[in-house]
Structures are given as structure tokens and as C-alpha cells.
Amino acid sequence: MSFDRFTDQINSAEELAAVIGTPSTLSLKKELKTLDTHMLRFIAHSPFLVVSTHSVDGRCDASPRGDAVGFVHAVDDRTLLIPDRPGNRRTDTFRNILETGRIGLLFLVPGVGETLRVNGRAVIIRDEAWLTPLIAQGKRPSVAVAVAVEECYLQCAKALLRSKLWEPHDRPDLQSLPCAADMLNDHVQMPEFDAAKIQALLDAAYKNNLY
């Protein structure tokens, strides 16, 4: 796709600063190199995070991860372990980690407007001693992602306030949004599947293959 249709693009950091402004001292000083007590508690209360990675050729990926509160294990103030639970086996995140070893995390806590951002290096591990404490529902993950923290900071609540994400009385009207089975049926275009068969597969996976 060409961006030529956009005729007023920003092409330098100087142009960007002229439009957006420069960060405040507070927003700069809040960045830490290790996880402090507050951040560790935040992670311990989080049942959901987004994992961001990229490949050598620049392909980006953002993948959701969720489980019981505190499923991400903090080994210490510089090291996190993220267990892998059964998924679609695309392994986009893992392949990117193998290529670049870089990772970005965004932790959310339901009801809390602020989020926690963590960036650093990552490897895929399968050490039994480290995986055993990550057992859930009686099943040990086959692998986990070990994260070496390089920078971490709280993100302000403006995005979640604007989206009203935690306000159940203000959820969007979903009547015009097709169900996942209908969307996937249009996406995959496989004659042997229809929306009903795809829905049955989803239902079975959600019921029997969470762990």
C-alpha cells in the first residue's frame, strides 16, 4: 500500500515535537530500569496482558495473554516468566523472539485505568524447574517466555477513560457485529467448513482446550 494519498506527513522528530510537544519531566522520570514493589504488585493483580514482538524484517505482532490473576511469575525485579497456554499454534510471538529477542508487554488490571508497560529482552525456555510453578488446572506449560526487564513504567489512564473500557453500563451495541464464526468463515473460505462447523470447533476449543 502506498501512503502517497496522505499529503501532509510528519517525517522527522523535530516536526513531531512541534506538533505534539515534548514530554514532561514527570513522564520521563517515571521510567525505571527494574520493577519496583508497586509494579510487582500490579503484575500480581493482572489477569491479562498484550505481548508485542517484531521479526527481523520488521513484521510486528501483538498477542493477548490471559489467565488467573497473577499468572505471570516475577522471578525477581528484573525477570518475568509468561507461561504458554494452548492456542492456535501459529507461534508468531515465539518466532519473532527467536529472530530478534525483543519484547514489549502491556499489563491491565480490571477496574484500574492505568496500565503497566514493560520492555526488554526475551527467550523461550523449557526448564522443568521453572515451568513447574507455572502449572494451571493441573497442566504444566510446554514452554514459557522469560523476560529480562530493561525499562518499565506506568501508563496514564486517559486511553481507558476515553474508551470507558471498565464501564459495563456503557458497552457498545454489538448487534451489527457478526459473531466470530461468521467472520472466520468469510476469512478462511474453506468449502469443508461453514459458520456452524466453525462455531462448533470454537465451542469445543473454549470448553476443552483452555489448558
Protein backbone atom coordinates (compact mmCIF):
# COMPACT_ATOMS: atom_id res chain seq x y z
CA MET A 1 0.00 0.00 0.00
CA SER A 2 1.25 3.47 -0.85
CA PHE A 3 0.98 6.35 1.62
CA ASP A 4 1.00 8.86 -1.24
CA ARG A 5 -2.66 9.68 -0.61
CA PHE A 6 -1.55 11.40 2.63
CA THR A 7 -0.02 14.69 1.58
CA ASP A 8 0.89 16.20 4.96
CA GLN A 9 3.09 13.63 6.64
CA ILE A 10 5.42 14.13 9.60
CA ASN A 11 8.91 12.92 8.67
CA SER A 12 11.21 13.98 11.50
CA ALA A 13 11.41 14.02 15.26
CA GLU A 14 11.62 17.82 15.12
CA GLU A 15 8.36 18.06 13.19
CA LEU A 16 6.73 15.65 15.62
CA ALA A 17 7.82 17.68 18.65
CA ALA A 18 6.49 20.85 17.03
CA VAL A 19 3.03 19.26 16.75
CA ILE A 20 2.81 17.08 19.86
CA GLY A 21 5.17 18.89 22.21
CA THR A 22 7.89 17.45 24.43
CA PRO A 23 7.43 15.08 27.37
CA SER A 24 7.24 16.46 30.89
CA THR A 25 9.90 15.75 33.47
CA LEU A 26 7.40 13.56 35.33
CA SER A 27 6.71 11.38 32.29
CA LEU A 28 10.44 10.89 31.77
CA LYS A 29 11.42 10.24 35.37
CA LYS A 30 8.68 7.64 35.90
CA GLU A 31 10.59 5.19 33.70
CA LEU A 32 12.52 2.64 35.76
CA LYS A 33 15.06 0.00 34.81
CA THR A 34 13.75 -2.60 37.24
CA LEU A 35 10.35 -3.49 38.64
CA ASP A 36 9.69 -1.82 41.98
CA THR A 37 7.26 -3.01 44.67
CA HIS A 38 4.31 -1.19 43.11
CA MET A 39 4.93 -2.71 39.68
CA LEU A 40 5.34 -6.20 41.12
CA ARG A 41 2.01 -5.82 42.90
CA PHE A 42 0.41 -4.58 39.68
CA ILE A 43 1.63 -7.68 37.83
CA ALA A 44 0.42 -9.91 40.68
CA HIS A 45 -3.09 -8.44 40.25
CA SER A 46 -3.15 -8.67 36.45
CA PRO A 47 -5.07 -11.43 34.63
CA PHE A 48 -4.36 -10.03 31.15
CA LEU A 49 -1.55 -8.55 29.10
CA VAL A 50 -0.67 -7.83 25.49
CA VAL A 51 2.67 -9.19 24.23
CA SER A 52 4.31 -7.23 21.40
CA THR A 53 7.19 -8.56 19.30
CA HIS A 54 8.72 -7.99 15.88
CA SER A 55 10.66 -10.02 13.35
CA VAL A 56 13.99 -9.23 11.71
CA ASP A 57 12.21 -8.00 8.59
CA GLY A 58 10.01 -5.63 10.63
CA ARG A 59 6.83 -7.70 10.81
CA CYS A 60 5.05 -6.73 14.03
CA ASP A 61 2.76 -8.78 16.24
CA ALA A 62 0.63 -8.01 19.29
CA SER A 63 -0.81 -11.06 21.03
CA PRO A 64 -3.20 -11.26 24.01
CA ARG A 65 -2.32 -13.42 27.01
CA GLY A 66 -4.71 -14.11 29.85
CA ASP A 67 -5.21 -16.44 32.80
CA ALA A 68 -5.93 -16.34 36.52
CA VAL A 69 -4.84 -13.22 38.38
CA GLY A 70 -1.07 -13.16 38.77
CA PHE A 71 -0.33 -15.86 36.18
CA VAL A 72 2.80 -14.01 35.09
CA HIS A 73 5.52 -15.01 37.56
CA ALA A 74 8.04 -12.44 38.77
CA VAL A 75 11.29 -14.25 39.50
CA ASP A 76 12.85 -11.02 40.74
CA ASP A 77 12.76 -7.31 39.93
CA ARG A 78 14.39 -7.88 36.54
CA THR A 79 12.87 -11.18 35.36
CA LEU A 80 9.35 -12.29 34.41
CA LEU A 81 8.05 -15.66 33.24
CA ILE A 82 4.99 -15.82 30.99
CA PRO A 83 3.56 -19.36 30.70
CA ASP A 84 2.31 -20.54 27.33
CA ARG A 85 -1.22 -21.95 27.32
CA PRO A 86 -2.82 -23.87 24.40
CA GLY A 87 -3.60 -21.64 21.43
CA ASN A 88 -3.72 -21.74 17.64
CA ARG A 89 -0.08 -22.89 17.30
CA ARG A 90 0.77 -20.06 14.88
CA THR A 91 3.70 -19.21 17.20
CA ASP A 92 4.07 -15.70 15.77
CA THR A 93 5.32 -14.40 19.12
CA PHE A 94 7.81 -17.23 19.56
CA ARG A 95 9.23 -16.98 16.06
CA ASN A 96 9.73 -13.24 16.47
CA ILE A 97 11.51 -13.81 19.79
CA LEU A 98 13.79 -16.36 18.12
CA GLU A 99 14.66 -13.80 15.45
CA THR A 100 15.11 -10.61 17.49
CA GLY A 101 14.91 -11.46 21.18
CA ARG A 102 12.91 -8.28 21.87
CA ILE A 103 9.55 -7.91 23.61
CA GLY A 104 7.08 -5.32 24.88
CA LEU A 105 4.37 -6.01 27.47
CA LEU A 106 1.23 -4.11 28.45
CA PHE A 107 -0.40 -5.29 31.70
CA LEU A 108 -4.03 -4.49 32.54
CA VAL A 109 -5.91 -4.84 35.83
CA PRO A 110 -9.74 -4.83 35.57
CA GLY A 111 -11.18 -1.65 37.02
CA VAL A 112 -7.84 0.16 37.04
CA GLY A 113 -7.35 2.90 34.46
CA GLU A 114 -3.56 2.91 34.48
CA THR A 115 -1.63 0.18 32.67
CA LEU A 116 1.92 -1.08 33.15
CA ARG A 117 4.37 -1.11 30.25
CA VAL A 118 7.44 -3.35 30.33
CA ASN A 119 10.05 -3.59 27.56
CA GLY A 120 13.10 -5.79 27.33
CA ARG A 121 14.72 -8.93 26.01
CA ALA A 122 13.12 -12.36 25.81
CA VAL A 123 13.94 -16.05 25.35
CA ILE A 124 11.79 -19.18 25.17
CA ILE A 125 12.50 -21.64 28.00
CA ARG A 126 11.50 -25.21 28.82
CA ASP A 127 13.39 -25.80 32.08
CA GLU A 128 11.24 -28.15 34.16
CA ALA A 129 12.20 -26.42 37.40
CA TRP A 130 10.90 -23.07 36.11
CA LEU A 131 7.83 -24.45 34.34
CA THR A 132 6.53 -26.48 37.29
CA PRO A 133 5.50 -23.40 39.35
CA LEU A 134 3.52 -22.22 36.30
CA ILE A 135 1.16 -25.22 36.36
CA ALA A 136 -2.52 -24.29 35.96
CA GLN A 137 -5.51 -26.61 36.17
CA GLY A 138 -3.10 -29.47 36.74
CA LYS A 139 -1.25 -28.88 33.45
CA ARG A 140 2.29 -27.66 33.08
CA PRO A 141 3.05 -25.41 30.10
CA SER A 142 5.35 -26.88 27.49
CA VAL A 143 7.31 -23.61 27.30
CA ALA A 144 7.38 -20.15 28.81
CA VAL A 145 8.76 -16.78 27.80
CA ALA A 146 11.44 -15.40 30.10
CA VAL A 147 11.63 -11.61 30.00
CA ALA A 148 14.67 -9.60 31.07
CA VAL A 149 13.28 -6.19 32.03
CA GLU A 150 15.09 -3.16 30.60
CA GLU A 151 12.51 -0.40 31.08
CA CYS A 152 9.14 -0.22 32.80
CA TYR A 153 6.65 2.49 33.67
CA LEU A 154 3.00 3.19 34.40
CA GLN A 155 0.90 4.47 31.52
CA CYS A 156 -1.73 7.07 32.41
CA ALA A 157 -5.44 6.20 32.33
CA LYS A 158 -6.53 8.54 29.52
CA ALA A 159 -7.00 5.81 26.89
CA LEU A 160 -9.09 3.62 29.17
CA LEU A 161 -11.10 6.59 30.39
CA ARG A 162 -11.87 7.68 26.85
CA SER A 163 -12.81 4.13 25.83
CA LYS A 164 -14.85 3.59 29.04
CA LEU A 165 -13.47 0.06 28.96
CA TRP A 166 -14.34 -0.81 32.54
CA GLU A 167 -17.83 0.70 32.47
CA PRO A 168 -20.25 -2.22 31.89
CA HIS A 169 -23.26 0.06 31.52
CA ASP A 170 -21.69 1.72 28.50
CA ARG A 171 -20.73 -1.26 26.35
CA PRO A 172 -21.10 -0.79 22.59
CA ASP A 173 -24.10 -2.08 20.67
CA LEU A 174 -22.92 -5.37 19.12
CA GLN A 175 -25.98 -6.13 17.01
CA SER A 176 -24.21 -5.04 13.80
CA LEU A 177 -21.06 -7.06 14.63
CA PRO A 178 -21.06 -10.62 13.20
CA CYS A 179 -20.10 -13.45 15.54
CA ALA A 180 -16.56 -14.86 15.33
CA ALA A 181 -17.72 -17.95 13.43
CA ASP A 182 -19.29 -15.85 10.68
CA MET A 183 -16.19 -13.68 10.39
CA LEU A 184 -13.83 -16.67 10.29
CA ASN A 185 -16.00 -18.42 7.72
CA ASP A 186 -15.61 -15.43 5.41
CA HIS A 187 -11.88 -15.20 6.14
CA VAL A 188 -10.81 -18.82 5.59
CA GLN A 189 -13.03 -19.56 2.54
CA MET A 190 -12.76 -23.35 3.02
CA PRO A 191 -15.58 -25.35 1.39
CA GLU A 192 -15.46 -28.05 4.05
CA PHE A 193 -16.37 -25.51 6.72
CA ASP A 194 -19.38 -23.32 7.25
CA ALA A 195 -20.18 -20.97 10.13
CA ALA A 196 -21.96 -23.69 12.11
CA LYS A 197 -18.98 -26.07 11.91
CA ILE A 198 -16.56 -23.30 12.83
CA GLN A 199 -18.74 -22.34 15.81
CA ALA A 200 -18.74 -25.97 16.97
CA LEU A 201 -14.93 -26.03 16.75
CA LEU A 202 -14.67 -22.80 18.73
CA ASP A 203 -17.09 -24.02 21.38
CA ALA A 204 -15.16 -27.27 21.79
CA ALA A 205 -11.81 -25.46 21.99
CA TYR A 206 -13.09 -22.98 24.58
CA LYS A 207 -14.60 -25.78 26.66
CA ASN A 208 -11.90 -28.43 26.45
CA ASN A 209 -8.62 -26.81 25.45
CA LEU A 210 -8.01 -23.79 27.66
CA TYR A 211 -5.17 -25.60 29.47
